[in-house]
Amino acid sequence: MERNVIAKNTKIVGDILSEGDFRIDGSLEGNLTTKGRVIIGATGVIKGNVSASNSDIEGDFSGELKVVKTLTVKAAAKISGDVVVGKLSIEPGATFNASCAMKAPSKESKKEDDTKEQPTKSKESKPKKAFK
């Protein structure tokens, strides 16, 4: 998967949509939505909403963070806002001032598949016992 980088001393204001991974060492004011991983480096700052499959944060984040799988918060990180994650890992020393909800990935689509694939059982398919 491709990696996009917002370098140190770079500031972006606006929304970003991507399929790939992102590393932010600069500043983003806006929303970032990706199916990949978001990494906020030690000098990185995000003010806005982020939605990703995984995320590692070492810099500053303020806003709404939705991580489907695992959020790793490094010791130097500062997080404030609302966080929704599948799994959470916080290193000692991190600043985590956020409301946090842990949710498992949606199983709704799996349930639909299961109901479609289940064969129907009928009484006729069972062998009949003969009485003597």
N, C-alpha and C. Protein backbone atom coordinates (compact mmCIF):
# COMPACT_ATOMS: atom_id res chain seq x y z
N MET A 1 0.85 -1.18 0.00
CA MET A 1 0.00 0.00 0.00
C MET A 1 0.89 1.24 0.00
N GLU A 2 0.49 2.24 -0.73
CA GLU A 2 1.29 3.45 -0.83
C GLU A 2 1.23 4.27 0.44
N ARG A 3 2.33 5.02 0.71
CA ARG A 3 2.40 5.86 1.89
C ARG A 3 2.50 7.32 1.45
N ASN A 4 1.61 8.13 2.00
CA ASN A 4 1.61 9.56 1.75
C ASN A 4 2.23 10.25 2.95
N VAL A 5 3.02 11.31 2.71
CA VAL A 5 3.71 11.99 3.80
C VAL A 5 3.41 13.48 3.75
N ILE A 6 3.02 14.02 4.91
CA ILE A 6 2.94 15.46 5.09
C ILE A 6 4.17 15.80 5.93
N ALA A 7 5.16 16.40 5.30
CA ALA A 7 6.47 16.60 5.92
C ALA A 7 6.46 17.71 6.97
N LYS A 8 7.50 17.68 7.80
CA LYS A 8 7.71 18.70 8.82
C LYS A 8 7.73 20.08 8.15
N ASN A 9 7.19 21.08 8.81
CA ASN A 9 7.09 22.46 8.32
C ASN A 9 6.11 22.61 7.16
N THR A 10 5.23 21.61 6.95
CA THR A 10 4.18 21.69 5.94
C THR A 10 2.84 21.78 6.65
N LYS A 11 2.00 22.72 6.21
CA LYS A 11 0.68 22.88 6.81
C LYS A 11 -0.37 22.72 5.72
N ILE A 12 -1.35 21.85 5.97
CA ILE A 12 -2.46 21.64 5.04
C ILE A 12 -3.76 21.96 5.75
N VAL A 13 -4.59 22.75 5.09
CA VAL A 13 -5.92 23.06 5.60
C VAL A 13 -6.92 22.51 4.59
N GLY A 14 -7.73 21.55 5.04
CA GLY A 14 -8.71 20.94 4.14
C GLY A 14 -8.92 19.47 4.45
N ASP A 15 -9.68 18.80 3.62
CA ASP A 15 -10.02 17.39 3.82
C ASP A 15 -9.21 16.51 2.88
N ILE A 16 -8.83 15.33 3.38
CA ILE A 16 -8.06 14.38 2.59
C ILE A 16 -8.79 13.04 2.60
N LEU A 17 -8.98 12.46 1.41
CA LEU A 17 -9.54 11.12 1.25
C LEU A 17 -8.49 10.28 0.56
N SER A 18 -8.24 9.07 1.08
CA SER A 18 -7.21 8.23 0.48
C SER A 18 -7.46 6.77 0.77
N GLU A 19 -6.87 5.90 -0.02
CA GLU A 19 -6.90 4.47 0.22
C GLU A 19 -5.63 4.03 0.94
N GLY A 20 -4.57 4.85 0.85
CA GLY A 20 -3.25 4.48 1.35
C GLY A 20 -2.97 4.94 2.77
N ASP A 21 -1.75 4.63 3.22
CA ASP A 21 -1.28 5.03 4.55
C ASP A 21 -0.86 6.49 4.53
N PHE A 22 -0.88 7.12 5.73
CA PHE A 22 -0.47 8.51 5.86
C PHE A 22 0.49 8.66 7.03
N ARG A 23 1.55 9.43 6.81
CA ARG A 23 2.43 9.83 7.91
C ARG A 23 2.40 11.35 7.94
N ILE A 24 2.08 11.89 9.13
CA ILE A 24 2.00 13.33 9.29
C ILE A 24 3.09 13.79 10.26
N ASP A 25 4.04 14.55 9.72
CA ASP A 25 5.07 15.17 10.54
C ASP A 25 4.88 16.68 10.55
N GLY A 26 3.98 17.16 9.72
CA GLY A 26 3.64 18.58 9.66
C GLY A 26 2.32 18.82 10.37
N SER A 27 1.48 19.68 9.78
CA SER A 27 0.23 20.08 10.41
C SER A 27 -0.94 19.89 9.44
N LEU A 28 -2.04 19.35 9.95
CA LEU A 28 -3.27 19.19 9.18
C LEU A 28 -4.43 19.76 9.98
N GLU A 29 -5.14 20.72 9.37
CA GLU A 29 -6.38 21.25 9.95
C GLU A 29 -7.49 20.83 9.01
N GLY A 30 -8.22 19.79 9.41
CA GLY A 30 -9.28 19.28 8.55
C GLY A 30 -9.52 17.82 8.83
N ASN A 31 -10.12 17.14 7.89
CA ASN A 31 -10.50 15.74 8.07
C ASN A 31 -9.63 14.83 7.20
N LEU A 32 -9.26 13.69 7.75
CA LEU A 32 -8.47 12.70 7.04
C LEU A 32 -9.21 11.36 7.11
N THR A 33 -9.57 10.82 5.96
CA THR A 33 -10.26 9.53 5.89
C THR A 33 -9.47 8.60 5.00
N THR A 34 -9.08 7.44 5.55
CA THR A 34 -8.32 6.46 4.79
C THR A 34 -8.64 5.05 5.27
N LYS A 35 -8.46 4.07 4.38
CA LYS A 35 -8.62 2.67 4.76
C LYS A 35 -7.31 2.12 5.29
N GLY A 36 -6.26 2.92 5.21
CA GLY A 36 -4.94 2.50 5.66
C GLY A 36 -4.63 2.95 7.08
N ARG A 37 -3.32 3.06 7.36
CA ARG A 37 -2.80 3.45 8.67
C ARG A 37 -2.48 4.94 8.67
N VAL A 38 -2.76 5.60 9.80
CA VAL A 38 -2.38 7.00 9.98
C VAL A 38 -1.32 7.05 11.08
N ILE A 39 -0.18 7.65 10.75
CA ILE A 39 0.90 7.82 11.72
C ILE A 39 1.10 9.31 11.93
N ILE A 40 0.99 9.75 13.17
CA ILE A 40 1.29 11.13 13.50
C ILE A 40 2.64 11.12 14.20
N GLY A 41 3.66 11.65 13.53
CA GLY A 41 5.01 11.68 14.07
C GLY A 41 5.13 12.63 15.24
N ALA A 42 6.32 12.68 15.86
CA ALA A 42 6.56 13.51 17.04
C ALA A 42 6.30 14.98 16.79
N THR A 43 6.53 15.47 15.56
CA THR A 43 6.30 16.89 15.24
C THR A 43 4.94 17.11 14.57
N GLY A 44 4.16 16.03 14.38
CA GLY A 44 2.89 16.11 13.69
C GLY A 44 1.76 16.64 14.56
N VAL A 45 0.86 17.39 13.92
CA VAL A 45 -0.31 17.97 14.61
C VAL A 45 -1.53 17.82 13.70
N ILE A 46 -2.61 17.27 14.25
CA ILE A 46 -3.88 17.22 13.52
C ILE A 46 -4.97 17.84 14.39
N LYS A 47 -5.71 18.77 13.77
CA LYS A 47 -6.90 19.35 14.40
C LYS A 47 -8.05 19.06 13.44
N GLY A 48 -8.90 18.11 13.82
CA GLY A 48 -10.01 17.73 12.94
C GLY A 48 -10.43 16.30 13.21
N ASN A 49 -11.01 15.68 12.21
CA ASN A 49 -11.51 14.31 12.34
C ASN A 49 -10.65 13.36 11.52
N VAL A 50 -10.35 12.20 12.11
CA VAL A 50 -9.57 11.18 11.42
C VAL A 50 -10.31 9.86 11.49
N SER A 51 -10.38 9.16 10.35
CA SER A 51 -10.97 7.83 10.29
C SER A 51 -9.98 6.94 9.55
N ALA A 52 -9.54 5.84 10.22
CA ALA A 52 -8.54 4.96 9.64
C ALA A 52 -8.71 3.54 10.17
N SER A 53 -8.01 2.59 9.53
CA SER A 53 -8.08 1.21 10.03
C SER A 53 -7.15 1.02 11.22
N ASN A 54 -5.96 1.64 11.20
CA ASN A 54 -5.00 1.59 12.31
C ASN A 54 -4.39 2.97 12.46
N SER A 55 -3.86 3.27 13.65
CA SER A 55 -3.21 4.56 13.85
C SER A 55 -2.16 4.48 14.94
N ASP A 56 -1.02 5.15 14.70
CA ASP A 56 0.04 5.31 15.70
C ASP A 56 0.22 6.80 15.90
N ILE A 57 0.11 7.24 17.16
CA ILE A 57 0.21 8.68 17.43
C ILE A 57 1.35 8.95 18.40
N GLU A 58 2.25 9.84 17.95
CA GLU A 58 3.36 10.29 18.79
C GLU A 58 3.30 11.79 18.98
N GLY A 59 2.57 12.49 18.10
CA GLY A 59 2.44 13.94 18.14
C GLY A 59 1.15 14.37 18.83
N ASP A 60 0.56 15.46 18.31
CA ASP A 60 -0.64 16.05 18.91
C ASP A 60 -1.86 15.79 18.04
N PHE A 61 -2.96 15.41 18.69
CA PHE A 61 -4.23 15.22 18.00
C PHE A 61 -5.33 15.86 18.80
N SER A 62 -6.21 16.60 18.10
CA SER A 62 -7.38 17.20 18.74
C SER A 62 -8.56 17.06 17.79
N GLY A 63 -9.61 16.38 18.24
CA GLY A 63 -10.79 16.20 17.40
C GLY A 63 -11.43 14.85 17.63
N GLU A 64 -12.02 14.30 16.57
CA GLU A 64 -12.69 13.01 16.64
C GLU A 64 -11.85 11.99 15.88
N LEU A 65 -11.50 10.91 16.58
CA LEU A 65 -10.63 9.88 16.02
C LEU A 65 -11.38 8.55 16.00
N LYS A 66 -11.53 7.96 14.80
CA LYS A 66 -12.18 6.65 14.67
C LYS A 66 -11.17 5.68 14.06
N VAL A 67 -10.81 4.66 14.83
CA VAL A 67 -9.85 3.66 14.37
C VAL A 67 -10.52 2.29 14.45
N VAL A 68 -10.70 1.65 13.30
CA VAL A 68 -11.43 0.38 13.23
C VAL A 68 -10.68 -0.72 13.99
N LYS A 69 -9.36 -0.79 13.83
CA LYS A 69 -8.59 -1.85 14.45
C LYS A 69 -7.85 -1.35 15.69
N THR A 70 -6.55 -1.01 15.57
CA THR A 70 -5.74 -0.69 16.74
C THR A 70 -5.22 0.74 16.72
N LEU A 71 -5.38 1.43 17.85
CA LEU A 71 -4.78 2.74 18.08
C LEU A 71 -3.64 2.57 19.06
N THR A 72 -2.44 2.99 18.65
CA THR A 72 -1.27 2.94 19.53
C THR A 72 -0.88 4.37 19.87
N VAL A 73 -0.87 4.69 21.16
CA VAL A 73 -0.54 6.03 21.62
C VAL A 73 0.83 5.97 22.27
N LYS A 74 1.80 6.68 21.66
CA LYS A 74 3.18 6.68 22.15
C LYS A 74 3.31 7.62 23.35
N ALA A 75 4.42 7.48 24.08
CA ALA A 75 4.64 8.22 25.32
C ALA A 75 4.60 9.74 25.13
N ALA A 76 5.03 10.25 24.00
CA ALA A 76 5.08 11.70 23.77
C ALA A 76 3.77 12.28 23.25
N ALA A 77 2.79 11.43 22.99
CA ALA A 77 1.54 11.86 22.36
C ALA A 77 0.67 12.70 23.28
N LYS A 78 -0.11 13.59 22.64
CA LYS A 78 -1.12 14.39 23.35
C LYS A 78 -2.41 14.28 22.55
N ILE A 79 -3.43 13.68 23.16
CA ILE A 79 -4.70 13.46 22.47
C ILE A 79 -5.84 14.09 23.28
N SER A 80 -6.71 14.82 22.58
CA SER A 80 -7.91 15.36 23.22
C SER A 80 -9.06 15.25 22.22
N GLY A 81 -10.26 15.05 22.74
CA GLY A 81 -11.44 14.94 21.89
C GLY A 81 -12.21 13.67 22.14
N ASP A 82 -12.72 13.07 21.06
CA ASP A 82 -13.51 11.84 21.13
C ASP A 82 -12.79 10.75 20.35
N VAL A 83 -12.68 9.57 20.96
CA VAL A 83 -11.96 8.46 20.34
C VAL A 83 -12.85 7.22 20.33
N VAL A 84 -12.94 6.56 19.17
CA VAL A 84 -13.65 5.29 19.03
C VAL A 84 -12.67 4.32 18.39
N VAL A 85 -12.37 3.22 19.09
CA VAL A 85 -11.36 2.28 18.61
C VAL A 85 -11.82 0.84 18.75
N GLY A 86 -11.13 -0.05 18.03
CA GLY A 86 -11.33 -1.49 18.20
C GLY A 86 -10.46 -1.97 19.35
N LYS A 87 -9.16 -1.61 19.32
CA LYS A 87 -8.21 -1.95 20.38
C LYS A 87 -7.39 -0.71 20.69
N LEU A 88 -6.94 -0.59 21.94
CA LEU A 88 -6.22 0.60 22.39
C LEU A 88 -4.97 0.21 23.14
N SER A 89 -3.84 0.86 22.79
CA SER A 89 -2.58 0.66 23.48
C SER A 89 -2.00 2.02 23.80
N ILE A 90 -1.79 2.30 25.10
CA ILE A 90 -1.26 3.59 25.52
C ILE A 90 0.03 3.38 26.31
N GLU A 91 1.11 4.01 25.85
CA GLU A 91 2.38 3.92 26.56
C GLU A 91 2.36 4.86 27.76
N PRO A 92 3.07 4.50 28.83
CA PRO A 92 3.16 5.38 29.99
C PRO A 92 3.77 6.72 29.59
N GLY A 93 3.19 7.81 30.10
CA GLY A 93 3.69 9.15 29.80
C GLY A 93 2.84 9.90 28.79
N ALA A 94 1.98 9.19 28.07
CA ALA A 94 1.13 9.84 27.07
C ALA A 94 0.05 10.67 27.76
N THR A 95 -0.37 11.75 27.10
CA THR A 95 -1.47 12.58 27.58
C THR A 95 -2.71 12.19 26.78
N PHE A 96 -3.71 11.60 27.47
CA PHE A 96 -4.91 11.11 26.80
C PHE A 96 -6.12 11.71 27.51
N ASN A 97 -6.56 12.88 27.04
CA ASN A 97 -7.72 13.57 27.61
C ASN A 97 -8.86 13.51 26.60
N ALA A 98 -9.47 12.33 26.51
CA ALA A 98 -10.51 12.13 25.50
C ALA A 98 -11.56 11.17 26.04
N SER A 99 -12.77 11.31 25.50
CA SER A 99 -13.77 10.28 25.78
C SER A 99 -13.44 9.13 24.83
N CYS A 100 -13.55 7.92 25.33
CA CYS A 100 -13.12 6.77 24.54
C CYS A 100 -14.18 5.68 24.57
N ALA A 101 -14.50 5.15 23.39
CA ALA A 101 -15.41 4.02 23.27
C ALA A 101 -14.69 2.94 22.48
N MET A 102 -14.78 1.71 22.99
CA MET A 102 -14.17 0.58 22.29
C MET A 102 -15.27 -0.23 21.64
N LYS A 103 -15.16 -0.40 20.34
CA LYS A 103 -16.18 -1.13 19.59
C LYS A 103 -15.51 -2.13 18.68
N ALA A 104 -16.10 -3.33 18.62
CA ALA A 104 -15.61 -4.37 17.71
C ALA A 104 -16.04 -4.01 16.29
N PRO A 105 -15.29 -4.46 15.29
CA PRO A 105 -15.70 -4.22 13.90
C PRO A 105 -17.10 -4.77 13.65
N SER A 106 -17.81 -4.13 12.77
CA SER A 106 -19.19 -4.52 12.46
C SER A 106 -19.25 -5.94 11.93
N LYS A 107 -20.14 -6.73 12.52
CA LYS A 107 -20.32 -8.11 12.07
C LYS A 107 -21.63 -8.25 11.31
N GLU A 108 -22.26 -7.12 11.02
CA GLU A 108 -23.55 -7.13 10.36
C GLU A 108 -23.48 -7.81 8.99
N SER A 109 -22.44 -7.46 8.22
CA SER A 109 -22.33 -8.06 6.88
C SER A 109 -22.06 -9.56 6.98
N LYS A 110 -21.32 -10.00 8.00
CA LYS A 110 -21.05 -11.42 8.17
C LYS A 110 -22.34 -12.18 8.51
N LYS A 111 -23.19 -11.57 9.34
CA LYS A 111 -24.46 -12.21 9.70
C LYS A 111 -25.33 -12.40 8.48
N GLU A 112 -25.35 -11.40 7.59
CA GLU A 112 -26.15 -11.50 6.38
C GLU A 112 -25.67 -12.65 5.52
N ASP A 113 -24.33 -12.81 5.40
CA ASP A 113 -23.76 -13.90 4.61
C ASP A 113 -24.12 -15.25 5.22
N ASP A 114 -24.05 -15.35 6.55
CA ASP A 114 -24.34 -16.61 7.23
C ASP A 114 -25.79 -17.04 6.99
N THR A 115 -26.73 -16.11 7.02
CA THR A 115 -28.13 -16.48 6.84
C THR A 115 -28.39 -16.90 5.41
N LYS A 116 -27.65 -16.35 4.45
CA LYS A 116 -27.84 -16.73 3.06
C LYS A 116 -27.28 -18.12 2.78
N GLU A 117 -26.19 -18.48 3.46
CA GLU A 117 -25.51 -19.74 3.19
C GLU A 117 -26.08 -20.93 3.93
N GLN A 118 -26.89 -20.72 4.96
CA GLN A 118 -27.41 -21.83 5.74
C GLN A 118 -28.48 -22.58 4.94
N PRO A 119 -28.27 -23.87 4.78
CA PRO A 119 -29.30 -24.66 4.07
C PRO A 119 -30.52 -24.82 4.97
N THR A 120 -31.65 -24.92 4.33
CA THR A 120 -32.87 -25.13 5.11
C THR A 120 -32.97 -26.61 5.44
N LYS A 121 -33.38 -26.89 6.66
CA LYS A 121 -33.50 -28.27 7.10
C LYS A 121 -34.96 -28.69 6.97
N SER A 122 -35.14 -29.84 6.42
CA SER A 122 -36.51 -30.36 6.33
C SER A 122 -36.56 -31.72 7.00
N LYS A 123 -37.75 -32.08 7.37
CA LYS A 123 -37.93 -33.36 8.05
C LYS A 123 -37.71 -34.52 7.09
N GLU A 124 -37.90 -34.29 5.82
CA GLU A 124 -37.77 -35.35 4.84
C GLU A 124 -36.33 -35.81 4.64
N SER A 125 -35.38 -34.95 4.96
CA SER A 125 -33.99 -35.31 4.72
C SER A 125 -33.44 -36.29 5.76
N LYS A 126 -34.13 -36.46 6.87
CA LYS A 126 -33.68 -37.39 7.89
C LYS A 126 -34.14 -38.80 7.52
N PRO A 127 -33.24 -39.80 7.67
CA PRO A 127 -33.67 -41.18 7.38
C PRO A 127 -34.71 -41.63 8.41
N LYS A 128 -35.70 -42.35 7.93
CA LYS A 128 -36.75 -42.83 8.82
C LYS A 128 -36.32 -44.17 9.42
N LYS A 129 -36.66 -44.33 10.66
CA LYS A 129 -36.33 -45.60 11.34
C LYS A 129 -37.44 -46.59 11.09
N ALA A 130 -37.04 -47.80 10.82
CA ALA A 130 -38.02 -48.87 10.59
C ALA A 130 -38.34 -49.53 11.94
N PHE A 131 -39.60 -49.73 12.18
CA PHE A 131 -40.00 -50.41 13.41
C PHE A 131 -40.22 -51.88 13.13
N LYS A 132 -39.77 -52.73 14.04
CA LYS A 132 -39.93 -54.17 13.85
C LYS A 132 -40.95 -54.71 14.79
